[in-house]
Protein backbone atom coordinates (compact mmCIF):
# COMPACT_ATOMS: atom_id res chain seq x y z
CA MET A 1 -136.08 -166.79 4.08
CA PHE A 2 -134.48 -166.39 7.50
CA HIS A 3 -130.68 -165.94 7.97
CA ILE A 4 -130.24 -167.56 11.33
CA LEU A 5 -126.66 -168.69 11.91
CA PRO A 6 -125.19 -170.36 14.92
CA PRO A 7 -122.75 -168.46 17.17
CA LEU A 8 -119.40 -168.59 15.36
CA PRO A 9 -115.92 -167.11 15.79
CA PRO A 10 -114.75 -164.60 13.22
CA GLN A 11 -114.11 -166.10 9.75
CA ASN A 12 -111.13 -164.55 7.83
CA GLY A 13 -111.17 -161.63 10.30
CA GLN A 14 -114.87 -160.94 9.68
CA TYR A 15 -117.58 -161.48 12.26
CA ILE A 16 -120.59 -163.60 11.25
CA GLU A 17 -123.82 -161.65 11.42
CA PRO A 18 -125.61 -162.87 14.68
CA ILE A 19 -128.90 -161.07 14.12
CA THR A 20 -132.10 -161.78 12.22
CA ILE A 21 -133.39 -158.28 11.94
CA PHE A 22 -131.97 -155.74 9.52
CA ASP A 23 -131.50 -152.05 10.51
CA PHE A 24 -130.93 -153.15 14.04
CA GLU A 25 -128.97 -151.39 16.80
CA GLY A 26 -128.74 -153.02 20.22
CA PHE A 27 -127.66 -156.06 22.16
CA VAL A 28 -127.46 -159.63 20.86
CA GLY A 29 -126.93 -162.84 22.91
CA ARG A 30 -126.47 -166.22 21.16
CA THR A 31 -125.59 -169.72 22.37
CA GLU A 32 -125.64 -173.20 21.09
CA VAL A 33 -126.21 -176.03 23.68
CA THR A 34 -125.60 -179.69 22.95
CA GLY A 35 -125.97 -182.66 25.17
CA THR A 36 -127.97 -185.74 26.03
CA GLY A 37 -131.13 -186.49 28.03
CA THR A 38 -133.17 -189.47 29.04
CA GLY A 39 -136.69 -190.10 27.93
CA THR A 40 -139.03 -192.80 29.31
CA ALA A 41 -142.03 -194.32 27.53
CA ASP A 42 -143.84 -197.48 28.26
CA GLY A 43 -141.50 -198.07 31.23
CA LYS A 44 -138.41 -198.09 28.95
CA SER A 45 -135.71 -195.40 29.20
CA LYS A 46 -133.70 -194.31 26.20
CA THR A 47 -130.93 -191.68 25.82
CA TYR A 48 -131.56 -188.95 23.28
CA ASN A 49 -129.12 -186.31 21.91
CA PHE A 50 -130.09 -182.65 21.52
CA ASP A 51 -128.70 -179.54 19.88
CA VAL A 52 -130.38 -176.24 20.61
CA ASP A 53 -129.69 -172.69 19.29
CA MET A 54 -131.07 -169.94 21.52
CA GLY A 55 -130.74 -166.21 21.50
CA PHE A 56 -132.21 -162.79 22.13
CA MET A 57 -132.12 -159.29 20.54
CA GLN A 58 -132.94 -156.08 22.32
CA GLY A 59 -132.69 -152.65 20.78
CA LYS A 60 -134.14 -150.41 18.16
CA PHE A 61 -134.89 -151.30 14.52
CA VAL A 62 -136.63 -149.97 11.51
CA GLY A 63 -139.85 -151.93 10.93
CA THR A 64 -141.54 -152.65 7.61
CA ASP A 65 -143.61 -149.48 8.19
CA GLY A 66 -140.39 -147.44 7.87
CA LYS A 67 -140.60 -146.25 11.55
CA THR A 68 -138.08 -146.82 14.25
CA HIS A 69 -139.22 -149.22 17.02
CA HIS A 70 -137.73 -150.68 20.26
CA GLY A 71 -138.26 -154.30 21.16
CA THR A 72 -136.99 -157.51 22.56
CA PHE A 73 -137.00 -160.75 20.65
CA GLY A 74 -136.13 -164.22 21.74
CA PHE A 75 -135.97 -167.67 20.07
CA VAL A 76 -135.14 -171.26 20.97
């Protein structure tokens, strides 16, 4: 299973792990965006809510092959 957590402030003095790759050294950017938007179907408009987690990771990591790799990963 994946351990993807939303961006959170420290809990009890401990930072919440913001990455999804183990043995990782690099940069991580995370955000959570919420809001509303308008959709139109059959000539009728309706307001919809949205909540999106997005992030990126860039750096070096140990792959399942046991070798060190460099890469950039992003998710929405």
